Amino acid sequence: MTDSAPACALLLTPTPPSWRWRDHRPGGPPPSAQPPLPSLDTPPPPAQASPPTAPAVAPVARLWAMAVVETLSGRRPLSQLEGWFSPAQRDLLGQRSAACRAAGGVRLSSWRAQSPRDGVIEVTLTLALPAQVKAGALSLVNRGDRWSCADLTLG
């Protein structure tokens, strides 16, 4: 009988095999075809004029968004919003506040603010209730030294 090597035997050779790894990636263009680098004597291109920056609306918008959410959740009384909202808007906040508290509370999921023109800020709110998500929108107007709500919509 001839002894055959088992299938799992390690084959030993006197010299290791020589492997050549070939890189099949396409090469870059030859050095002569590459564009030249700009010299240090060339002045940089002129800077483009940036558009005028809008005033920072985030602090004002965040304050109003938090006031609405605190009122809807019952943490802020409606009497504190007397100079901020009209009586009809305060009534709407009071009605929605009772509904939000009955549903189990409300939290501010996200908000976004923009200023379409000077003295006007539009704020959109995403309000998360335990079982659903509602939307809200505020339009704020600068009346000299203070901001007031021109329009309030709550979903």
N, C-alpha and C. Protein backbone atom coordinates (compact mmCIF):
# COMPACT_ATOMS: atom_id res chain seq x y z
N MET A 1 0.82 -1.17 0.00
CA MET A 1 0.00 0.00 0.00
C MET A 1 0.87 1.24 0.00
N THR A 2 0.39 2.15 -0.66
CA THR A 2 1.11 3.41 -0.66
C THR A 2 0.49 4.34 0.37
N ASP A 3 1.38 4.99 1.04
CA ASP A 3 0.90 5.99 2.02
C ASP A 3 0.61 7.29 1.28
N SER A 4 -0.61 7.71 1.35
CA SER A 4 -0.94 9.02 0.76
C SER A 4 -1.15 10.02 1.88
N ALA A 5 -0.84 11.18 1.58
CA ALA A 5 -0.98 12.24 2.58
C ALA A 5 -2.45 12.53 2.83
N PRO A 6 -2.82 12.77 4.08
CA PRO A 6 -4.21 13.10 4.36
C PRO A 6 -4.59 14.42 3.68
N ALA A 7 -5.86 14.62 3.50
CA ALA A 7 -6.35 15.80 2.78
C ALA A 7 -6.01 17.10 3.50
N CYS A 8 -5.81 17.03 4.78
CA CYS A 8 -5.55 18.27 5.52
C CYS A 8 -4.06 18.47 5.76
N ALA A 9 -3.21 17.73 5.11
CA ALA A 9 -1.78 17.85 5.35
C ALA A 9 -1.24 19.15 4.78
N LEU A 10 -0.25 19.69 5.41
CA LEU A 10 0.40 20.91 5.00
C LEU A 10 1.51 20.55 4.04
N LEU A 11 1.51 21.19 2.94
CA LEU A 11 2.52 20.90 1.95
C LEU A 11 3.72 21.80 2.18
N LEU A 12 4.86 21.24 2.40
CA LEU A 12 6.06 22.01 2.65
C LEU A 12 6.94 21.96 1.42
N THR A 13 7.42 23.10 1.02
CA THR A 13 8.32 23.17 -0.12
C THR A 13 9.63 23.76 0.36
N PRO A 14 10.73 23.44 -0.31
CA PRO A 14 12.01 23.96 0.15
C PRO A 14 12.11 25.47 0.03
N THR A 15 11.48 26.07 -0.93
CA THR A 15 11.52 27.53 -1.07
C THR A 15 10.10 28.06 -1.12
N PRO A 16 9.86 29.21 -0.50
CA PRO A 16 8.50 29.77 -0.53
C PRO A 16 8.14 30.18 -1.94
N PRO A 17 6.86 30.14 -2.28
CA PRO A 17 6.46 30.56 -3.62
C PRO A 17 6.68 32.06 -3.79
N SER A 18 6.98 32.45 -4.95
CA SER A 18 7.16 33.88 -5.21
C SER A 18 5.85 34.44 -5.74
N TRP A 19 5.33 35.38 -5.04
CA TRP A 19 4.08 36.00 -5.41
C TRP A 19 4.35 37.38 -5.97
N ARG A 20 3.64 37.72 -6.96
CA ARG A 20 3.72 39.08 -7.50
C ARG A 20 2.31 39.66 -7.47
N TRP A 21 2.15 40.68 -6.69
CA TRP A 21 0.85 41.35 -6.64
C TRP A 21 0.81 42.37 -7.75
N ARG A 22 -0.22 42.33 -8.50
CA ARG A 22 -0.34 43.27 -9.59
C ARG A 22 -1.42 44.29 -9.22
N ASP A 23 -1.10 45.52 -9.44
CA ASP A 23 -2.05 46.59 -9.18
C ASP A 23 -2.79 46.87 -10.48
N HIS A 24 -4.06 46.56 -10.50
CA HIS A 24 -4.84 46.73 -11.72
C HIS A 24 -5.58 48.06 -11.76
N ARG A 25 -5.26 48.92 -10.82
CA ARG A 25 -5.89 50.24 -10.85
C ARG A 25 -5.30 51.05 -12.00
N PRO A 26 -6.14 51.87 -12.64
CA PRO A 26 -5.57 52.68 -13.72
C PRO A 26 -4.62 53.72 -13.14
N GLY A 27 -3.52 53.89 -13.79
CA GLY A 27 -2.53 54.85 -13.32
C GLY A 27 -2.94 56.26 -13.64
N GLY A 28 -2.38 57.22 -12.97
CA GLY A 28 -2.66 58.61 -13.23
C GLY A 28 -2.00 59.03 -14.53
N PRO A 29 -2.25 60.25 -14.93
CA PRO A 29 -1.64 60.71 -16.18
C PRO A 29 -0.12 60.82 -15.99
N PRO A 30 0.60 60.72 -17.04
CA PRO A 30 2.05 60.86 -16.91
C PRO A 30 2.38 62.26 -16.40
N PRO A 31 3.51 62.41 -15.73
CA PRO A 31 3.85 63.72 -15.14
C PRO A 31 3.82 64.87 -16.13
N SER A 32 4.12 64.64 -17.38
CA SER A 32 4.13 65.73 -18.34
C SER A 32 2.72 66.21 -18.67
N ALA A 33 1.69 65.40 -18.46
CA ALA A 33 0.33 65.78 -18.80
C ALA A 33 -0.40 66.47 -17.66
N GLN A 34 0.19 66.52 -16.47
CA GLN A 34 -0.47 67.17 -15.34
C GLN A 34 -0.37 68.69 -15.48
N PRO A 35 -1.40 69.42 -15.03
CA PRO A 35 -1.32 70.88 -15.13
C PRO A 35 -0.26 71.41 -14.16
N PRO A 36 0.36 72.50 -14.51
CA PRO A 36 1.40 73.05 -13.62
C PRO A 36 0.76 73.66 -12.37
N LEU A 37 1.48 73.65 -11.28
CA LEU A 37 1.03 74.28 -10.05
C LEU A 37 1.15 75.79 -10.18
N PRO A 38 0.25 76.55 -9.53
CA PRO A 38 0.37 78.01 -9.62
C PRO A 38 1.63 78.47 -8.90
N SER A 39 2.22 79.50 -9.43
CA SER A 39 3.44 80.01 -8.78
C SER A 39 3.05 80.85 -7.58
N LEU A 40 3.97 81.05 -6.71
CA LEU A 40 3.70 81.82 -5.49
C LEU A 40 3.60 83.31 -5.77
N ASP A 41 4.05 83.74 -6.95
CA ASP A 41 3.99 85.16 -7.29
C ASP A 41 2.61 85.57 -7.80
N THR A 42 1.76 84.60 -8.13
CA THR A 42 0.43 84.90 -8.64
C THR A 42 -0.47 85.33 -7.49
N PRO A 43 -1.14 86.48 -7.62
CA PRO A 43 -2.03 86.90 -6.52
C PRO A 43 -3.25 85.98 -6.46
N PRO A 44 -3.83 85.81 -5.28
CA PRO A 44 -5.02 84.97 -5.16
C PRO A 44 -6.19 85.61 -5.90
N PRO A 45 -7.16 84.80 -6.32
CA PRO A 45 -8.32 85.38 -7.01
C PRO A 45 -9.10 86.28 -6.06
N PRO A 46 -9.78 87.29 -6.61
CA PRO A 46 -10.52 88.21 -5.73
C PRO A 46 -11.66 87.49 -5.01
N ALA A 47 -11.88 87.85 -3.76
CA ALA A 47 -12.95 87.25 -2.97
C ALA A 47 -14.29 87.75 -3.49
N GLN A 48 -15.26 86.86 -3.55
CA GLN A 48 -16.59 87.24 -3.99
C GLN A 48 -17.32 87.93 -2.85
N ALA A 49 -18.11 88.90 -3.20
CA ALA A 49 -18.86 89.63 -2.18
C ALA A 49 -19.91 88.70 -1.57
N SER A 50 -19.94 88.65 -0.26
CA SER A 50 -20.92 87.80 0.41
C SER A 50 -22.23 88.56 0.55
N PRO A 51 -23.35 87.84 0.54
CA PRO A 51 -24.63 88.53 0.71
C PRO A 51 -24.74 89.12 2.10
N PRO A 52 -25.51 90.17 2.26
CA PRO A 52 -25.65 90.75 3.59
C PRO A 52 -26.24 89.74 4.56
N THR A 53 -25.72 89.74 5.76
CA THR A 53 -26.19 88.77 6.76
C THR A 53 -27.48 89.27 7.41
N ALA A 54 -28.38 88.36 7.64
CA ALA A 54 -29.63 88.68 8.32
C ALA A 54 -29.35 88.80 9.82
N PRO A 55 -30.13 89.60 10.51
CA PRO A 55 -29.90 89.70 11.95
C PRO A 55 -30.14 88.35 12.64
N ALA A 56 -29.48 88.16 13.73
CA ALA A 56 -29.62 86.90 14.46
C ALA A 56 -31.04 86.80 15.02
N VAL A 57 -31.78 85.84 14.50
CA VAL A 57 -33.17 85.67 14.92
C VAL A 57 -33.34 84.50 15.86
N ALA A 58 -32.32 83.66 15.99
CA ALA A 58 -32.45 82.45 16.79
C ALA A 58 -32.78 82.72 18.26
N PRO A 59 -32.13 83.67 18.94
CA PRO A 59 -32.48 83.87 20.36
C PRO A 59 -33.93 84.30 20.56
N VAL A 60 -34.41 85.18 19.71
CA VAL A 60 -35.80 85.65 19.85
C VAL A 60 -36.76 84.51 19.53
N ALA A 61 -36.48 83.79 18.45
CA ALA A 61 -37.37 82.69 18.05
C ALA A 61 -37.41 81.59 19.10
N ARG A 62 -36.27 81.27 19.68
CA ARG A 62 -36.22 80.22 20.70
C ARG A 62 -37.02 80.64 21.94
N LEU A 63 -36.90 81.89 22.33
CA LEU A 63 -37.65 82.39 23.49
C LEU A 63 -39.15 82.26 23.26
N TRP A 64 -39.63 82.63 22.08
CA TRP A 64 -41.05 82.53 21.78
C TRP A 64 -41.50 81.08 21.68
N ALA A 65 -40.68 80.24 21.07
CA ALA A 65 -41.04 78.82 20.95
C ALA A 65 -41.17 78.18 22.33
N MET A 66 -40.22 78.47 23.20
CA MET A 66 -40.28 77.91 24.55
C MET A 66 -41.47 78.46 25.34
N ALA A 67 -41.82 79.73 25.13
CA ALA A 67 -42.98 80.30 25.81
C ALA A 67 -44.26 79.59 25.39
N VAL A 68 -44.39 79.30 24.10
CA VAL A 68 -45.59 78.60 23.62
C VAL A 68 -45.65 77.19 24.20
N VAL A 69 -44.53 76.47 24.20
CA VAL A 69 -44.52 75.09 24.72
C VAL A 69 -44.78 75.07 26.22
N GLU A 70 -44.18 76.01 26.95
CA GLU A 70 -44.41 76.06 28.40
C GLU A 70 -45.87 76.37 28.70
N THR A 71 -46.50 77.21 27.89
CA THR A 71 -47.91 77.53 28.09
C THR A 71 -48.79 76.32 27.77
N LEU A 72 -48.47 75.64 26.65
CA LEU A 72 -49.26 74.47 26.28
C LEU A 72 -49.14 73.33 27.29
N SER A 73 -47.98 73.22 27.92
CA SER A 73 -47.79 72.14 28.91
C SER A 73 -48.28 72.54 30.30
N GLY A 74 -48.68 73.80 30.48
CA GLY A 74 -49.22 74.24 31.77
C GLY A 74 -48.16 74.73 32.74
N ARG A 75 -46.93 74.87 32.30
CA ARG A 75 -45.87 75.36 33.19
C ARG A 75 -45.80 76.87 33.24
N ARG A 76 -46.43 77.55 32.29
CA ARG A 76 -46.43 79.02 32.27
C ARG A 76 -47.89 79.48 32.22
N PRO A 77 -48.30 80.35 33.13
CA PRO A 77 -49.69 80.83 33.10
C PRO A 77 -49.91 81.80 31.94
N LEU A 78 -51.14 81.80 31.45
CA LEU A 78 -51.49 82.69 30.34
C LEU A 78 -51.33 84.16 30.69
N SER A 79 -51.43 84.49 31.96
CA SER A 79 -51.32 85.90 32.37
C SER A 79 -49.94 86.47 32.08
N GLN A 80 -48.92 85.63 31.98
CA GLN A 80 -47.58 86.12 31.68
C GLN A 80 -47.43 86.55 30.22
N LEU A 81 -48.34 86.14 29.37
CA LEU A 81 -48.22 86.42 27.94
C LEU A 81 -49.07 87.59 27.49
N GLU A 82 -49.47 88.44 28.43
CA GLU A 82 -50.41 89.50 28.12
C GLU A 82 -49.89 90.49 27.09
N GLY A 83 -48.66 90.89 27.14
CA GLY A 83 -48.13 91.83 26.16
C GLY A 83 -47.59 91.16 24.91
N TRP A 84 -47.50 89.85 24.95
CA TRP A 84 -46.89 89.11 23.84
C TRP A 84 -47.92 88.73 22.76
N PHE A 85 -49.09 88.27 23.21
CA PHE A 85 -50.13 87.76 22.31
C PHE A 85 -51.39 88.59 22.45
N SER A 86 -52.20 88.58 21.41
CA SER A 86 -53.50 89.25 21.47
C SER A 86 -54.44 88.40 22.32
N PRO A 87 -55.56 88.96 22.78
CA PRO A 87 -56.52 88.16 23.57
C PRO A 87 -57.02 86.93 22.83
N ALA A 88 -57.27 87.03 21.53
CA ALA A 88 -57.74 85.86 20.77
C ALA A 88 -56.66 84.77 20.72
N GLN A 89 -55.41 85.18 20.57
CA GLN A 89 -54.32 84.20 20.54
C GLN A 89 -54.12 83.55 21.90
N ARG A 90 -54.29 84.34 22.98
CA ARG A 90 -54.18 83.75 24.33
C ARG A 90 -55.32 82.76 24.57
N ASP A 91 -56.52 83.06 24.06
CA ASP A 91 -57.64 82.12 24.19
C ASP A 91 -57.33 80.81 23.46
N LEU A 92 -56.76 80.92 22.26
CA LEU A 92 -56.38 79.72 21.52
C LEU A 92 -55.33 78.92 22.28
N LEU A 93 -54.34 79.60 22.86
CA LEU A 93 -53.33 78.90 23.66
C LEU A 93 -53.96 78.22 24.86
N GLY A 94 -54.94 78.88 25.51
CA GLY A 94 -55.60 78.27 26.66
C GLY A 94 -56.39 77.02 26.28
N GLN A 95 -57.09 77.07 25.14
CA GLN A 95 -57.85 75.90 24.70
C GLN A 95 -56.91 74.75 24.36
N ARG A 96 -55.85 75.04 23.62
CA ARG A 96 -54.90 73.98 23.24
C ARG A 96 -54.12 73.46 24.44
N SER A 97 -53.93 74.33 25.43
CA SER A 97 -53.22 73.90 26.64
C SER A 97 -54.02 72.84 27.38
N ALA A 98 -55.30 73.04 27.50
CA ALA A 98 -56.14 72.04 28.17
C ALA A 98 -56.12 70.72 27.41
N ALA A 99 -56.17 70.79 26.08
CA ALA A 99 -56.15 69.56 25.27
C ALA A 99 -54.80 68.85 25.38
N CYS A 100 -53.72 69.62 25.38
CA CYS A 100 -52.38 69.01 25.48
C CYS A 100 -52.16 68.36 26.85
N ARG A 101 -52.61 69.01 27.89
CA ARG A 101 -52.45 68.41 29.23
C ARG A 101 -53.30 67.16 29.36
N ALA A 102 -54.50 67.15 28.76
CA ALA A 102 -55.35 65.97 28.81
C ALA A 102 -54.74 64.82 28.01
N ALA A 103 -53.98 65.15 26.96
CA ALA A 103 -53.35 64.11 26.14
C ALA A 103 -52.09 63.55 26.80
N GLY A 104 -51.61 64.19 27.84
CA GLY A 104 -50.43 63.67 28.54
C GLY A 104 -49.21 64.55 28.46
N GLY A 105 -49.36 65.78 28.01
CA GLY A 105 -48.23 66.70 27.96
C GLY A 105 -47.73 66.92 26.54
N VAL A 106 -46.89 67.91 26.39
CA VAL A 106 -46.34 68.27 25.10
C VAL A 106 -44.89 68.67 25.28
N ARG A 107 -44.09 68.41 24.27
CA ARG A 107 -42.69 68.86 24.29
C ARG A 107 -42.34 69.40 22.91
N LEU A 108 -41.36 70.26 22.87
CA LEU A 108 -40.91 70.84 21.61
C LEU A 108 -39.95 69.88 20.95
N SER A 109 -40.34 69.32 19.83
CA SER A 109 -39.51 68.37 19.11
C SER A 109 -38.47 69.10 18.26
N SER A 110 -38.89 70.12 17.53
CA SER A 110 -37.96 70.94 16.75
C SER A 110 -38.61 72.27 16.43
N TRP A 111 -37.78 73.22 16.05
CA TRP A 111 -38.28 74.52 15.64
C TRP A 111 -37.34 75.08 14.59
N ARG A 112 -37.88 75.98 13.79
CA ARG A 112 -37.08 76.61 12.74
C ARG A 112 -37.54 78.04 12.60
N ALA A 113 -36.58 78.93 12.40
CA ALA A 113 -36.91 80.35 12.29
C ALA A 113 -36.26 80.94 11.05
N GLN A 114 -36.95 81.91 10.49
CA GLN A 114 -36.40 82.65 9.37
C GLN A 114 -36.89 84.08 9.42
N SER A 115 -36.14 84.95 8.78
CA SER A 115 -36.53 86.35 8.74
C SER A 115 -36.71 86.75 7.28
N PRO A 116 -37.96 86.78 6.79
CA PRO A 116 -38.17 87.13 5.39
C PRO A 116 -37.83 88.58 5.07
N ARG A 117 -37.92 89.46 6.06
CA ARG A 117 -37.53 90.86 5.90
C ARG A 117 -37.23 91.44 7.27
N ASP A 118 -36.65 92.61 7.31
CA ASP A 118 -36.29 93.23 8.57
C ASP A 118 -37.53 93.44 9.44
N GLY A 119 -37.41 93.11 10.70
CA GLY A 119 -38.49 93.32 11.64
C GLY A 119 -39.55 92.25 11.66
N VAL A 120 -39.36 91.14 10.92
CA VAL A 120 -40.32 90.05 10.88
C VAL A 120 -39.58 88.73 11.06
N ILE A 121 -40.09 87.88 11.93
CA ILE A 121 -39.54 86.54 12.14
C ILE A 121 -40.68 85.55 12.03
N GLU A 122 -40.47 84.52 11.25
CA GLU A 122 -41.44 83.43 11.14
C GLU A 122 -40.85 82.20 11.80
N VAL A 123 -41.60 81.59 12.71
CA VAL A 123 -41.14 80.44 13.47
C VAL A 123 -42.09 79.28 13.23
N THR A 124 -41.53 78.12 12.90
CA THR A 124 -42.35 76.91 12.78
C THR A 124 -41.95 75.96 13.90
N LEU A 125 -42.93 75.29 14.47
CA LEU A 125 -42.73 74.40 15.61
C LEU A 125 -43.21 73.00 15.27
N THR A 126 -42.51 72.01 15.79
CA THR A 126 -42.99 70.63 15.76
C THR A 126 -43.21 70.22 17.20
N LEU A 127 -44.44 69.98 17.57
CA LEU A 127 -44.82 69.67 18.94
C LEU A 127 -45.12 68.19 19.06
N ALA A 128 -44.46 67.53 20.00
CA ALA A 128 -44.63 66.09 20.19
C ALA A 128 -45.52 65.84 21.40
N LEU A 129 -46.65 65.20 21.16
CA LEU A 129 -47.53 64.72 22.22
C LEU A 129 -47.28 63.23 22.35
N PRO A 130 -47.73 62.58 23.41
CA PRO A 130 -47.44 61.16 23.55
C PRO A 130 -47.94 60.29 22.40
N ALA A 131 -49.08 60.60 21.80
CA ALA A 131 -49.64 59.73 20.77
C ALA A 131 -49.59 60.34 19.37
N GLN A 132 -49.20 61.60 19.25
CA GLN A 132 -49.22 62.24 17.94
C GLN A 132 -48.24 63.40 17.88
N VAL A 133 -48.08 63.93 16.68
CA VAL A 133 -47.21 65.09 16.45
C VAL A 133 -48.06 66.20 15.87
N LYS A 134 -47.90 67.39 16.41
CA LYS A 134 -48.66 68.56 15.94
C LYS A 134 -47.68 69.61 15.42
N ALA A 135 -48.20 70.53 14.64
CA ALA A 135 -47.41 71.63 14.09
C ALA A 135 -47.92 72.95 14.62
N GLY A 136 -47.05 73.92 14.65
CA GLY A 136 -47.42 75.26 15.06
C GLY A 136 -46.61 76.27 14.27
N ALA A 137 -47.13 77.48 14.16
CA ALA A 137 -46.43 78.54 13.45
C ALA A 137 -46.71 79.87 14.13
N LEU A 138 -45.67 80.69 14.18
CA LEU A 138 -45.78 82.03 14.75
C LEU A 138 -45.23 83.03 13.74
N SER A 139 -45.84 84.16 13.65
CA SER A 139 -45.30 85.27 12.88
C SER A 139 -45.09 86.41 13.86
N LEU A 140 -43.85 86.81 14.04
CA LEU A 140 -43.49 87.83 15.01
C LEU A 140 -43.14 89.13 14.30
N VAL A 141 -43.53 90.24 14.90
CA VAL A 141 -43.27 91.55 14.32
C VAL A 141 -42.58 92.41 15.38
N ASN A 142 -41.55 93.12 14.96
CA ASN A 142 -40.84 94.01 15.86
C ASN A 142 -41.56 95.35 15.88
N ARG A 143 -42.03 95.73 17.07
CA ARG A 143 -42.76 96.98 17.23
C ARG A 143 -41.91 97.94 18.06
N GLY A 144 -40.83 98.39 17.45
CA GLY A 144 -39.95 99.33 18.13
C GLY A 144 -39.00 98.62 19.08
N ASP A 145 -39.34 98.62 20.35
CA ASP A 145 -38.44 98.05 21.36
C ASP A 145 -38.85 96.64 21.81
N ARG A 146 -39.90 96.07 21.23
CA ARG A 146 -40.33 94.74 21.66
C ARG A 146 -40.93 93.98 20.47
N TRP A 147 -41.02 92.67 20.64
CA TRP A 147 -41.61 91.79 19.64
C TRP A 147 -43.03 91.43 20.07
N SER A 148 -43.92 91.29 19.11
CA SER A 148 -45.28 90.81 19.40
C SER A 148 -45.67 89.81 18.33
N CYS A 149 -46.64 88.98 18.66
CA CYS A 149 -47.09 87.94 17.74
C CYS A 149 -48.18 88.50 16.84
N ALA A 150 -47.92 88.48 15.54
CA ALA A 150 -48.92 88.95 14.58
C ALA A 150 -49.88 87.83 14.20
N ASP A 151 -49.38 86.59 14.18
CA ASP A 151 -50.24 85.47 13.81
C ASP A 151 -49.77 84.22 14.54
N LEU A 152 -50.72 83.43 15.02
CA LEU A 152 -50.44 82.18 15.73
C LEU A 152 -51.34 81.10 15.15
N THR A 153 -50.73 79.99 14.76
CA THR A 153 -51.50 78.85 14.26
C THR A 153 -50.99 77.61 14.98
N LEU A 154 -51.92 76.84 15.55
CA LEU A 154 -51.57 75.59 16.22
C LEU A 154 -52.41 74.48 15.64
N GLY A 155 -51.74 73.38 15.26
CA GLY A 155 -52.44 72.24 14.66
C GLY A 155 -53.02 71.32 15.69
